[in-house]
PDB file of N, CA and C in Angstrom:
ATOM      1  N   MET A   1      74.847 -55.240 140.151  1.00  0.00           N
ATOM      2  CA  MET A   1      74.989 -55.814 141.466  1.00  0.00           C
ATOM      3  C   MET A   1      74.323 -54.914 142.503  1.00  0.00           C
ATOM      4  N   GLY A   2      73.704 -55.551 143.486  1.00  0.00           N
ATOM      5  CA  GLY A   2      72.973 -54.810 144.501  1.00  0.00           C
ATOM      6  C   GLY A   2      73.764 -54.620 145.779  1.00  0.00           C
ATOM      7  N   LYS A   3      73.052 -54.193 146.803  1.00  0.00           N
ATOM      8  CA  LYS A   3      73.637 -54.008 148.120  1.00  0.00           C
ATOM      9  C   LYS A   3      74.018 -55.360 148.712  1.00  0.00           C
ATOM     10  N   ALA A   4      74.827 -55.306 149.741  1.00  0.00           N
ATOM     11  CA  ALA A   4      75.146 -56.522 150.485  1.00  0.00           C
ATOM     12  C   ALA A   4      73.925 -56.939 151.292  1.00  0.00           C
ATOM     13  N   THR A   5      73.830 -58.231 151.562  1.00  0.00           N
ATOM     14  CA  THR A   5      72.747 -58.782 152.367  1.00  0.00           C
ATOM     15  C   THR A   5      73.350 -59.688 153.427  1.00  0.00           C
ATOM     16  N   GLY A   6      72.949 -59.496 154.653  1.00  0.00           N
ATOM     17  CA  GLY A   6      73.362 -60.374 155.743  1.00  0.00           C
ATOM     18  C   GLY A   6      72.132 -61.050 156.308  1.00  0.00           C
ATOM     19  N   ILE A   7      72.190 -62.359 156.442  1.00  0.00           N
ATOM     20  CA  ILE A   7      71.058 -63.121 156.966  1.00  0.00           C
ATOM     21  C   ILE A   7      71.510 -63.820 158.237  1.00  0.00           C
ATOM     22  N   VAL A   8      70.726 -63.662 159.292  1.00  0.00           N
ATOM     23  CA  VAL A   8      70.992 -64.324 160.560  1.00  0.00           C
ATOM     24  C   VAL A   8      69.735 -65.087 160.938  1.00  0.00           C
ATOM     25  N   GLU A   9      69.867 -66.402 161.118  1.00  0.00           N
ATOM     26  CA  GLU A   9      68.740 -67.213 161.588  1.00  0.00           C
ATOM     27  C   GLU A   9      68.918 -67.472 163.070  1.00  0.00           C
ATOM     28  N   VAL A  10      67.843 -67.213 163.816  1.00  0.00           N
ATOM     29  CA  VAL A  10      67.874 -67.367 165.273  1.00  0.00           C
ATOM     30  C   VAL A  10      66.692 -68.203 165.727  1.00  0.00           C
ATOM     31  N   TYR A  11      66.788 -68.693 166.963  1.00  0.00           N
ATOM     32  CA  TYR A  11      65.690 -69.449 167.553  1.00  0.00           C
ATOM     33  C   TYR A  11      64.696 -68.501 168.218  1.00  0.00           C
ATOM     34  N   GLY A  12      63.501 -68.366 167.650  1.00  0.00           N
ATOM     35  CA  GLY A  12      62.423 -67.626 168.279  1.00  0.00           C
ATOM     36  C   GLY A  12      62.311 -66.169 167.873  1.00  0.00           C
ATOM     37  N   LEU A  13      61.105 -65.660 168.043  1.00  0.00           N
ATOM     38  CA  LEU A  13      60.798 -64.288 167.663  1.00  0.00           C
ATOM     39  C   LEU A  13      61.427 -63.262 168.604  1.00  0.00           C
ATOM     40  N   VAL A  14      61.505 -63.576 169.885  1.00  0.00           N
ATOM     41  CA  VAL A  14      62.127 -62.638 170.821  1.00  0.00           C
ATOM     42  C   VAL A  14      63.593 -62.432 170.449  1.00  0.00           C
ATOM     43  N   ALA A  15      64.298 -63.524 170.186  1.00  0.00           N
ATOM     44  CA  ALA A  15      65.702 -63.413 169.781  1.00  0.00           C
ATOM     45  C   ALA A  15      65.831 -62.627 168.474  1.00  0.00           C
ATOM     46  N   ALA A  16      64.864 -62.793 167.580  1.00  0.00           N
ATOM     47  CA  ALA A  16      64.901 -62.060 166.312  1.00  0.00           C
ATOM     48  C   ALA A  16      64.789 -60.554 166.547  1.00  0.00           C
ATOM     49  N   PHE A  17      63.887 -60.143 167.423  1.00  0.00           N
ATOM     50  CA  PHE A  17      63.746 -58.714 167.699  1.00  0.00           C
ATOM     51  C   PHE A  17      64.988 -58.158 168.388  1.00  0.00           C
ATOM     52  N   VAL A  18      65.526 -58.920 169.328  1.00  0.00           N
ATOM     53  CA  VAL A  18      66.736 -58.474 170.029  1.00  0.00           C
ATOM     54  C   VAL A  18      67.908 -58.372 169.050  1.00  0.00           C
ATOM     55  N   ALA A  19      68.059 -59.375 168.198  1.00  0.00           N
ATOM     56  CA  ALA A  19      69.141 -59.382 167.210  1.00  0.00           C
ATOM     57  C   ALA A  19      68.984 -58.253 166.204  1.00  0.00           C
ATOM     58  N   CYS A  20      67.771 -58.045 165.734  1.00  0.00           N
ATOM     59  CA  CYS A  20      67.501 -56.980 164.763  1.00  0.00           C
ATOM     60  C   CYS A  20      67.833 -55.615 165.363  1.00  0.00           C
ATOM     61  N   ASP A  21      67.407 -55.393 166.587  1.00  0.00           N
ATOM     62  CA  ASP A  21      67.682 -54.131 167.262  1.00  0.00           C
ATOM     63  C   ASP A  21      69.180 -53.898 167.406  1.00  0.00           C
ATOM     64  N   ALA A  22      69.899 -54.933 167.822  1.00  0.00           N
ATOM     65  CA  ALA A  22      71.349 -54.813 167.992  1.00  0.00           C
ATOM     66  C   ALA A  22      72.039 -54.535 166.661  1.00  0.00           C
ATOM     67  N   GLY A  23      71.620 -55.231 165.614  1.00  0.00           N
ATOM     68  CA  GLY A  23      72.222 -55.024 164.302  1.00  0.00           C
ATOM     69  C   GLY A  23      71.996 -53.621 163.775  1.00  0.00           C
ATOM     70  N   CYS A  24      70.783 -53.125 163.963  1.00  0.00           N
ATOM     71  CA  CYS A  24      70.454 -51.774 163.484  1.00  0.00           C
ATOM     72  C   CYS A  24      71.170 -50.690 164.278  1.00  0.00           C
ATOM     73  N   LYS A  25      71.418 -50.944 165.555  1.00  0.00           N
ATOM     74  CA  LYS A  25      72.142 -49.973 166.371  1.00  0.00           C
ATOM     75  C   LYS A  25      73.635 -49.979 166.056  1.00  0.00           C
ATOM     76  N   ALA A  26      74.137 -51.121 165.580  1.00  0.00           N
ATOM     77  CA  ALA A  26      75.569 -51.263 165.336  1.00  0.00           C
ATOM     78  C   ALA A  26      76.017 -50.708 163.990  1.00  0.00           C
ATOM     79  N   ALA A  27      75.080 -50.570 163.051  1.00  0.00           N
ATOM     80  CA  ALA A  27      75.494 -50.193 161.697  1.00  0.00           C
ATOM     81  C   ALA A  27      74.361 -49.502 160.950  1.00  0.00           C
ATOM     82  N   ASN A  28      74.737 -48.876 159.857  1.00  0.00           N
ATOM     83  CA  ASN A  28      73.779 -48.186 158.997  1.00  0.00           C
ATOM     84  C   ASN A  28      73.192 -49.194 157.993  1.00  0.00           C
ATOM     85  N   VAL A  29      72.173 -49.917 158.422  1.00  0.00           N
ATOM     86  CA  VAL A  29      71.546 -50.944 157.588  1.00  0.00           C
ATOM     87  C   VAL A  29      70.032 -50.756 157.585  1.00  0.00           C
ATOM     88  N   THR A  30      69.400 -51.383 156.615  1.00  0.00           N
ATOM     89  CA  THR A  30      67.948 -51.504 156.618  1.00  0.00           C
ATOM     90  C   THR A  30      67.628 -52.978 156.823  1.00  0.00           C
ATOM     91  N   VAL A  31      66.378 -53.260 157.134  1.00  0.00           N
ATOM     92  CA  VAL A  31      65.968 -54.631 157.418  1.00  0.00           C
ATOM     93  C   VAL A  31      64.814 -55.008 156.502  1.00  0.00           C
ATOM     94  N   GLU A  32      64.940 -56.166 155.887  1.00  0.00           N
ATOM     95  CA  GLU A  32      63.834 -56.733 155.112  1.00  0.00           C
ATOM     96  C   GLU A  32      62.879 -57.418 156.096  1.00  0.00           C
ATOM     97  N   THR A  33      61.735 -57.841 155.606  1.00  0.00           N
ATOM     98  CA  THR A  33      60.749 -58.530 156.422  1.00  0.00           C
ATOM     99  C   THR A  33      61.344 -59.794 157.040  1.00  0.00           C
ATOM    100  N   PHE A  34      61.056 -60.037 158.316  1.00  0.00           N
ATOM    101  CA  PHE A  34      61.470 -61.289 158.956  1.00  0.00           C
ATOM    102  C   PHE A  34      60.844 -62.458 158.200  1.00  0.00           C
ATOM    103  N   ASP A  35      61.486 -63.601 158.258  1.00  0.00           N
ATOM    104  CA  ASP A  35      60.928 -64.824 157.694  1.00  0.00           C
ATOM    105  C   ASP A  35      61.009 -65.891 158.765  1.00  0.00           C
ATOM    106  N   LYS A  36      60.146 -66.900 158.666  1.00  0.00           N
ATOM    107  CA  LYS A  36      60.155 -67.969 159.664  1.00  0.00           C
ATOM    108  C   LYS A  36      60.254 -69.321 158.980  1.00  0.00           C
ATOM    109  N   ASN A  37      60.746 -70.257 159.766  1.00  0.00           N
ATOM    110  CA  ASN A  37      60.898 -71.617 159.291  1.00  0.00           C
ATOM    111  C   ASN A  37      60.726 -72.547 160.485  1.00  0.00           C
ATOM    112  N   LYS A  38      59.919 -73.563 160.315  1.00  0.00           N
ATOM    113  CA  LYS A  38      59.755 -74.546 161.379  1.00  0.00           C
ATOM    114  C   LYS A  38      60.755 -75.665 161.126  1.00  0.00           C
ATOM    115  N   PRO A  39      61.646 -75.920 162.079  1.00  0.00           N
ATOM    116  CA  PRO A  39      62.656 -76.953 161.865  1.00  0.00           C
ATOM    117  C   PRO A  39      62.042 -78.349 161.797  1.00  0.00           C
ATOM    118  N   GLY A  40      62.808 -79.265 161.251  1.00  0.00           N
ATOM    119  CA  GLY A  40      62.331 -80.638 161.088  1.00  0.00           C
ATOM    120  C   GLY A  40      62.159 -81.387 162.394  1.00  0.00           C
ATOM    121  N   ASN A  41      62.808 -80.938 163.455  1.00  0.00           N
ATOM    122  CA  ASN A  41      62.708 -81.595 164.752  1.00  0.00           C
ATOM    123  C   ASN A  41      62.184 -80.648 165.833  1.00  0.00           C
ATOM    124  N   PRO A  42      61.026 -80.023 165.636  1.00  0.00           N
ATOM    125  CA  PRO A  42      60.589 -78.985 166.573  1.00  0.00           C
ATOM    126  C   PRO A  42      60.384 -79.482 168.003  1.00  0.00           C
ATOM    127  N   ASP A  43      59.991 -80.730 168.170  1.00  0.00           N
ATOM    128  CA  ASP A  43      59.745 -81.235 169.518  1.00  0.00           C
ATOM    129  C   ASP A  43      61.032 -81.385 170.320  1.00  0.00           C
ATOM    130  N   GLY A  44      62.163 -81.467 169.636  1.00  0.00           N
ATOM    131  CA  GLY A  44      63.439 -81.612 170.326  1.00  0.00           C
ATOM    132  C   GLY A  44      64.096 -80.297 170.679  1.00  0.00           C
ATOM    133  N   LEU A  45      63.445 -79.179 170.376  1.00  0.00           N
ATOM    134  CA  LEU A  45      64.040 -77.862 170.616  1.00  0.00           C
ATOM    135  C   LEU A  45      63.293 -77.102 171.699  1.00  0.00           C
ATOM    136  N   ASP A  46      64.016 -76.285 172.444  1.00  0.00           N
ATOM    137  CA  ASP A  46      63.376 -75.414 173.444  1.00  0.00           C
ATOM    138  C   ASP A  46      62.508 -74.364 172.776  1.00  0.00           C
ATOM    139  N   VAL A  47      62.951 -73.862 171.625  1.00  0.00           N
ATOM    140  CA  VAL A  47      62.214 -72.850 170.862  1.00  0.00           C
ATOM    141  C   VAL A  47      62.001 -73.419 169.459  1.00  0.00           C
ATOM    142  N   PRO A  48      60.776 -73.904 169.159  1.00  0.00           N
ATOM    143  CA  PRO A  48      60.543 -74.614 167.888  1.00  0.00           C
ATOM    144  C   PRO A  48      60.232 -73.709 166.690  1.00  0.00           C
ATOM    145  N   LEU A  49      60.890 -72.570 166.614  1.00  0.00           N
ATOM    146  CA  LEU A  49      60.687 -71.660 165.495  1.00  0.00           C
ATOM    147  C   LEU A  49      62.021 -71.004 165.151  1.00  0.00           C
ATOM    148  N   ILE A  50      62.358 -71.002 163.879  1.00  0.00           N
ATOM    149  CA  ILE A  50      63.558 -70.320 163.412  1.00  0.00           C
ATOM    150  C   ILE A  50      63.120 -69.075 162.656  1.00  0.00           C
ATOM    151  N   VAL A  51      63.725 -67.949 162.986  1.00  0.00           N
ATOM    152  CA  VAL A  51      63.394 -66.673 162.344  1.00  0.00           C
ATOM    153  C   VAL A  51      64.647 -66.128 161.673  1.00  0.00           C
ATOM    154  N   ALA A  52      64.493 -65.679 160.427  1.00  0.00           N
ATOM    155  CA  ALA A  52      65.595 -65.080 159.679  1.00  0.00           C
ATOM    156  C   ALA A  52      65.456 -63.565 159.677  1.00  0.00           C
ATOM    157  N   ILE A  53      66.550 -62.903 160.040  1.00  0.00           N
ATOM    158  CA  ILE A  53      66.642 -61.448 159.968  1.00  0.00           C
ATOM    159  C   ILE A  53      67.524 -61.142 158.769  1.00  0.00           C
ATOM    160  N   LYS A  54      67.096 -60.210 157.917  1.00  0.00           N
ATOM    161  CA  LYS A  54      67.827 -59.902 156.687  1.00  0.00           C
ATOM    162  C   LYS A  54      68.238 -58.431 156.688  1.00  0.00           C
ATOM    163  N   PHE A  55      69.530 -58.189 156.868  1.00  0.00           N
ATOM    164  CA  PHE A  55      70.071 -56.833 156.876  1.00  0.00           C
ATOM    165  C   PHE A  55      70.557 -56.466 155.472  1.00  0.00           C
ATOM    166  N   ARG A  56      70.375 -55.195 155.091  1.00  0.00           N
ATOM    167  CA  ARG A  56      70.819 -54.707 153.775  1.00  0.00           C
ATOM    168  C   ARG A  56      71.637 -53.442 153.948  1.00  0.00           C
ATOM    169  N   GLY A  57      72.643 -53.281 153.114  1.00  0.00           N
ATOM    170  CA  GLY A  57      73.451 -52.072 153.140  1.00  0.00           C
ATOM    171  C   GLY A  57      74.808 -52.321 152.526  1.00  0.00           C
ATOM    172  N   GLY A  58      75.746 -51.452 152.836  1.00  0.00           N
ATOM    173  CA  GLY A  58      77.123 -51.635 152.392  1.00  0.00           C
ATOM    174  C   GLY A  58      77.743 -52.819 153.118  1.00  0.00           C
ATOM    175  N   ILE A  59      78.747 -53.431 152.512  1.00  0.00           N
ATOM    176  CA  ILE A  59      79.317 -54.656 153.069  1.00  0.00           C
ATOM    177  C   ILE A  59      79.857 -54.470 154.484  1.00  0.00           C
ATOM    178  N   THR A  60      80.533 -53.381 154.761  1.00  0.00           N
ATOM    179  CA  THR A  60      81.086 -53.159 156.099  1.00  0.00           C
ATOM    180  C   THR A  60      79.974 -53.023 157.133  1.00  0.00           C
ATOM    181  N   ASP A  61      78.924 -52.284 156.785  1.00  0.00           N
ATOM    182  CA  ASP A  61      77.788 -52.128 157.696  1.00  0.00           C
ATOM    183  C   ASP A  61      77.064 -53.450 157.915  1.00  0.00           C
ATOM    184  N   VAL A  62      76.866 -54.204 156.853  1.00  0.00           N
ATOM    185  CA  VAL A  62      76.179 -55.495 156.983  1.00  0.00           C
ATOM    186  C   VAL A  62      76.999 -56.449 157.847  1.00  0.00           C
ATOM    187  N   GLU A  63      78.301 -56.469 157.656  1.00  0.00           N
ATOM    188  CA  GLU A  63      79.149 -57.324 158.501  1.00  0.00           C
ATOM    189  C   GLU A  63      79.028 -56.943 159.969  1.00  0.00           C
ATOM    190  N   ALA A  64      79.036 -55.656 160.260  1.00  0.00           N
ATOM    191  CA  ALA A  64      78.912 -55.197 161.642  1.00  0.00           C
ATOM    192  C   ALA A  64      77.540 -55.544 162.218  1.00  0.00           C
ATOM    193  N   ALA A  65      76.496 -55.373 161.418  1.00  0.00           N
ATOM    194  CA  ALA A  65      75.137 -55.694 161.875  1.00  0.00           C
ATOM    195  C   ALA A  65      74.988 -57.179 162.171  1.00  0.00           C
ATOM    196  N   VAL A  66      75.512 -58.013 161.295  1.00  0.00           N
ATOM    197  CA  VAL A  66      75.409 -59.462 161.493  1.00  0.00           C
ATOM    198  C   VAL A  66      76.147 -59.880 162.765  1.00  0.00           C
ATOM    199  N   GLU A  67      77.340 -59.358 162.976  1.00  0.00           N
ATOM    200  CA  GLU A  67      78.096 -59.726 164.186  1.00  0.00           C
ATOM    201  C   GLU A  67      77.369 -59.283 165.454  1.00  0.00           C
ATOM    202  N   ALA A  68      76.840 -58.064 165.450  1.00  0.00           N
ATOM    203  CA  ALA A  68      76.101 -57.570 166.619  1.00  0.00           C
ATOM    204  C   ALA A  68      74.840 -58.397 166.845  1.00  0.00           C
ATOM    205  N   ALA A  69      74.145 -58.742 165.773  1.00  0.00           N
ATOM    206  CA  ALA A  69      72.922 -59.542 165.878  1.00  0.00           C
ATOM    207  C   ALA A  69      73.224 -60.920 166.455  1.00  0.00           C
ATOM    208  N   LYS A  70      74.305 -61.536 165.998  1.00  0.00           N
ATOM    209  CA  LYS A  70      74.666 -62.862 166.492  1.00  0.00           C
ATOM    210  C   LYS A  70      74.987 -62.826 167.989  1.00  0.00           C
ATOM    211  N   LEU A  71      75.748 -61.840 168.406  1.00  0.00           N
ATOM    212  CA  LEU A  71      76.075 -61.725 169.832  1.00  0.00           C
ATOM    213  C   LEU A  71      74.826 -61.538 170.678  1.00  0.00           C
ATOM    214  N   ALA A  72      73.925 -60.699 170.210  1.00  0.00           N
ATOM    215  CA  ALA A  72      72.691 -60.435 170.958  1.00  0.00           C
ATOM    216  C   ALA A  72      71.797 -61.674 171.015  1.00  0.00           C
ATOM    217  N   ALA A  73      71.651 -62.366 169.900  1.00  0.00           N
ATOM    218  CA  ALA A  73      70.781 -63.553 169.864  1.00  0.00           C
ATOM    219  C   ALA A  73      71.338 -64.681 170.719  1.00  0.00           C
ATOM    220  N   GLU A  74      72.650 -64.804 170.794  1.00  0.00           N
ATOM    221  CA  GLU A  74      73.258 -65.850 171.631  1.00  0.00           C
ATOM    222  C   GLU A  74      72.886 -65.664 173.100  1.00  0.00           C
ATOM    223  N   ARG A  75      72.671 -64.428 173.512  1.00  0.00           N
ATOM    224  CA  ARG A  75      72.292 -64.156 174.901  1.00  0.00           C
ATOM    225  C   ARG A  75      70.823 -64.489 175.175  1.00  0.00           C
ATOM    226  N   VAL A  76      70.030 -64.678 174.121  1.00  0.00           N
ATOM    227  CA  VAL A  76      68.600 -64.970 174.300  1.00  0.00           C
ATOM    228  C   VAL A  76      68.326 -66.462 174.130  1.00  0.00           C
ATOM    229  N   SER A  77      68.446 -66.961 172.916  1.00  0.00           N
ATOM    230  CA  SER A  77      68.125 -68.379 172.693  1.00  0.00           C
ATOM    231  C   SER A  77      69.051 -69.053 171.690  1.00  0.00           C
ATOM    232  N   GLY A  78      69.888 -68.293 171.016  1.00  0.00           N
ATOM    233  CA  GLY A  78      70.877 -68.891 170.138  1.00  0.00           C
ATOM    234  C   GLY A  78      70.725 -68.564 168.664  1.00  0.00           C
ATOM    235  N   VAL A  79      71.812 -68.812 167.945  1.00  0.00           N
ATOM    236  CA  VAL A  79      71.894 -68.573 166.510  1.00  0.00           C
ATOM    237  C   VAL A  79      71.938 -69.920 165.804  1.00  0.00           C
ATOM    238  N   VAL A  80      71.153 -70.052 164.752  1.00  0.00           N
ATOM    239  CA  VAL A  80      71.173 -71.259 163.938  1.00  0.00           C
ATOM    240  C   VAL A  80      72.319 -71.167 162.941  1.00  0.00           C
ATOM    241  N   THR A  81      72.339 -70.090 162.156  1.00  0.00           N
ATOM    242  CA  THR A  81      73.377 -69.879 161.148  1.00  0.00           C
ATOM    243  C   THR A  81      73.344 -68.420 160.697  1.00  0.00           C
ATOM    244  N   SER A  82      74.367 -68.033 159.955  1.00  0.00           N
ATOM    245  CA  SER A  82      74.391 -66.697 159.357  1.00  0.00           C
ATOM    246  C   SER A  82      75.181 -66.771 158.065  1.00  0.00           C
ATOM    247  N   HIS A  83      74.912 -65.804 157.204  1.00  0.00           N
ATOM    248  CA  HIS A  83      75.635 -65.745 155.937  1.00  0.00           C
ATOM    249  C   HIS A  83      75.554 -64.322 155.393  1.00  0.00           C
ATOM    250  N   ILE A  84      76.604 -63.923 154.678  1.00  0.00           N
ATOM    251  CA  ILE A  84      76.632 -62.598 154.061  1.00  0.00           C
ATOM    252  C   ILE A  84      76.832 -62.760 152.558  1.00  0.00           C
ATOM    253  N   LEU A  85      75.942 -62.110 151.805  1.00  0.00           N
ATOM    254  CA  LEU A  85      76.084 -62.005 150.357  1.00  0.00           C
ATOM    255  C   LEU A  85      76.688 -60.633 150.102  1.00  0.00           C
ATOM    256  N   THR A  86      77.891 -60.589 149.566  1.00  0.00           N
ATOM    257  CA  THR A  86      78.585 -59.305 149.427  1.00  0.00           C
ATOM    258  C   THR A  86      77.940 -58.374 148.414  1.00  0.00           C
ATOM    259  N   SER A  87      77.286 -58.937 147.420  1.00  0.00           N
ATOM    260  CA  SER A  87      76.629 -58.122 146.400  1.00  0.00           C
ATOM    261  C   SER A  87      75.471 -58.940 145.819  1.00  0.00           C
ATOM    262  N   THR A  88      74.281 -58.649 146.277  1.00  0.00           N
ATOM    263  CA  THR A  88      73.112 -59.436 145.914  1.00  0.00           C
ATOM    264  C   THR A  88      72.728 -59.215 144.448  1.00  0.00           C
ATOM    265  N   GLU A  89      72.551 -60.300 143.725  1.00  0.00           N
ATOM    266  CA  GLU A  89      72.134 -60.248 142.320  1.00  0.00           C
ATOM    267  C   GLU A  89      70.694 -59.742 142.201  1.00  0.00           C
ATOM    268  N   PRO A  90      70.359 -59.015 141.148  1.00  0.00           N
ATOM    269  CA  PRO A  90      68.993 -58.507 140.965  1.00  0.00           C
ATOM    270  C   PRO A  90      67.919 -59.609 140.990  1.00  0.00           C
ATOM    271  N   ASP A  91      68.228 -60.778 140.469  1.00  0.00           N
ATOM    272  CA  ASP A  91      67.248 -61.863 140.472  1.00  0.00           C
ATOM    273  C   ASP A  91      66.976 -62.401 141.872  1.00  0.00           C
ATOM    274  N   THR A  92      67.865 -62.132 142.798  1.00  0.00           N
ATOM    275  CA  THR A  92      67.692 -62.580 144.179  1.00  0.00           C
ATOM    276  C   THR A  92      66.832 -61.608 144.984  1.00  0.00           C
ATOM    277  N   GLU A  93      66.778 -60.364 144.574  1.00  0.00           N
ATOM    278  CA  GLU A  93      66.055 -59.318 145.307  1.00  0.00           C
ATOM    279  C   GLU A  93      64.615 -59.711 145.671  1.00  0.00           C
ATOM    280  N   PRO A  94      63.809 -60.246 144.739  1.00  0.00           N
ATOM    281  CA  PRO A  94      62.425 -60.599 145.106  1.00  0.00           C
ATOM    282  C   PRO A  94      62.347 -61.652 146.220  1.00  0.00           C
ATOM    283  N   MET A  95      63.324 -62.534 146.277  1.00  0.00           N
ATOM    284  CA  MET A  95      63.330 -63.575 147.308  1.00  0.00           C
ATOM    285  C   MET A  95      63.504 -62.977 148.702  1.00  0.00           C
ATOM    286  N   LEU A  96      64.174 -61.844 148.784  1.00  0.00           N
ATOM    287  CA  LEU A  96      64.391 -61.213 150.082  1.00  0.00           C
ATOM    288  C   LEU A  96      63.109 -60.628 150.661  1.00  0.00           C
ATOM    289  N   LYS A  97      62.115 -60.422 149.825  1.00  0.00           N
ATOM    290  CA  LYS A  97      60.836 -59.863 150.267  1.00  0.00           C
ATOM    291  C   LYS A  97      59.874 -60.937 150.783  1.00  0.00           C
ATOM    292  N   LEU A  98      60.171 -62.211 150.506  1.00  0.00           N
ATOM    293  CA  LEU A  98      59.279 -63.294 150.911  1.00  0.00           C
ATOM    294  C   LEU A  98      59.270 -63.457 152.428  1.00  0.00           C
ATOM    295  N   SER A  99      58.112 -63.822 152.961  1.00  0.00           N
ATOM    296  CA  SER A  99      57.994 -64.063 154.381  1.00  0.00           C
ATOM    297  C   SER A  99      56.891 -65.058 154.669  1.00  0.00           C
ATOM    298  N   ALA A 100      57.222 -66.126 155.374  1.00  0.00           N
ATOM    299  CA  ALA A 100      56.215 -67.106 155.767  1.00  0.00           C
ATOM    300  C   ALA A 100      55.316 -66.553 156.896  1.00  0.00           C
ATOM    301  N   PHE A 101      55.677 -65.426 157.489  1.00  0.00           N
ATOM    302  CA  PHE A 101      54.802 -64.805 158.481  1.00  0.00           C
ATOM    303  C   PHE A 101      53.505 -64.319 157.844  1.00  0.00           C
ATOM    304  N   ASP A 102      53.527 -64.129 156.517  1.00  0.00           N
ATOM    305  CA  ASP A 102      52.336 -63.690 155.806  1.00  0.00           C
ATOM    306  C   ASP A 102      51.316 -64.806 155.600  1.00  0.00           C
ATOM    307  N   LYS A 103      51.735 -66.029 155.884  1.00  0.00           N
ATOM    308  CA  LYS A 103      50.876 -67.194 155.643  1.00  0.00           C
ATOM    309  C   LYS A 103      50.323 -67.736 156.947  1.00  0.00           C
ATOM    310  N   ASN A 104      49.165 -68.348 156.879  1.00  0.00           N
ATOM    311  CA  ASN A 104      48.574 -68.938 158.100  1.00  0.00           C
ATOM    312  C   ASN A 104      49.189 -70.249 158.437  1.00  0.00           C
TER     313      ASN A 104
END
């Protein structure tokens, strides 16, 4: 079993940076590469881009980082969803490295 993983999806890149900064300041975590997703209804949203921030570390630190990130992102443009994996399986590890920011 691996480290805990916390994922927070937010609206927009600015909110992602603000959330990531808050999460890293709140706890002893590392961050995987941001990922992006274009929602199915982009024209109906103020910010038509969803960005996932992925925190890694011990479960207590990841929980603290996710909560801080959510609070910070709510002040910018909002949170789509969040989830914590308490112990990431080895087969899941490669998926955490994927990023649609690498694609055109």
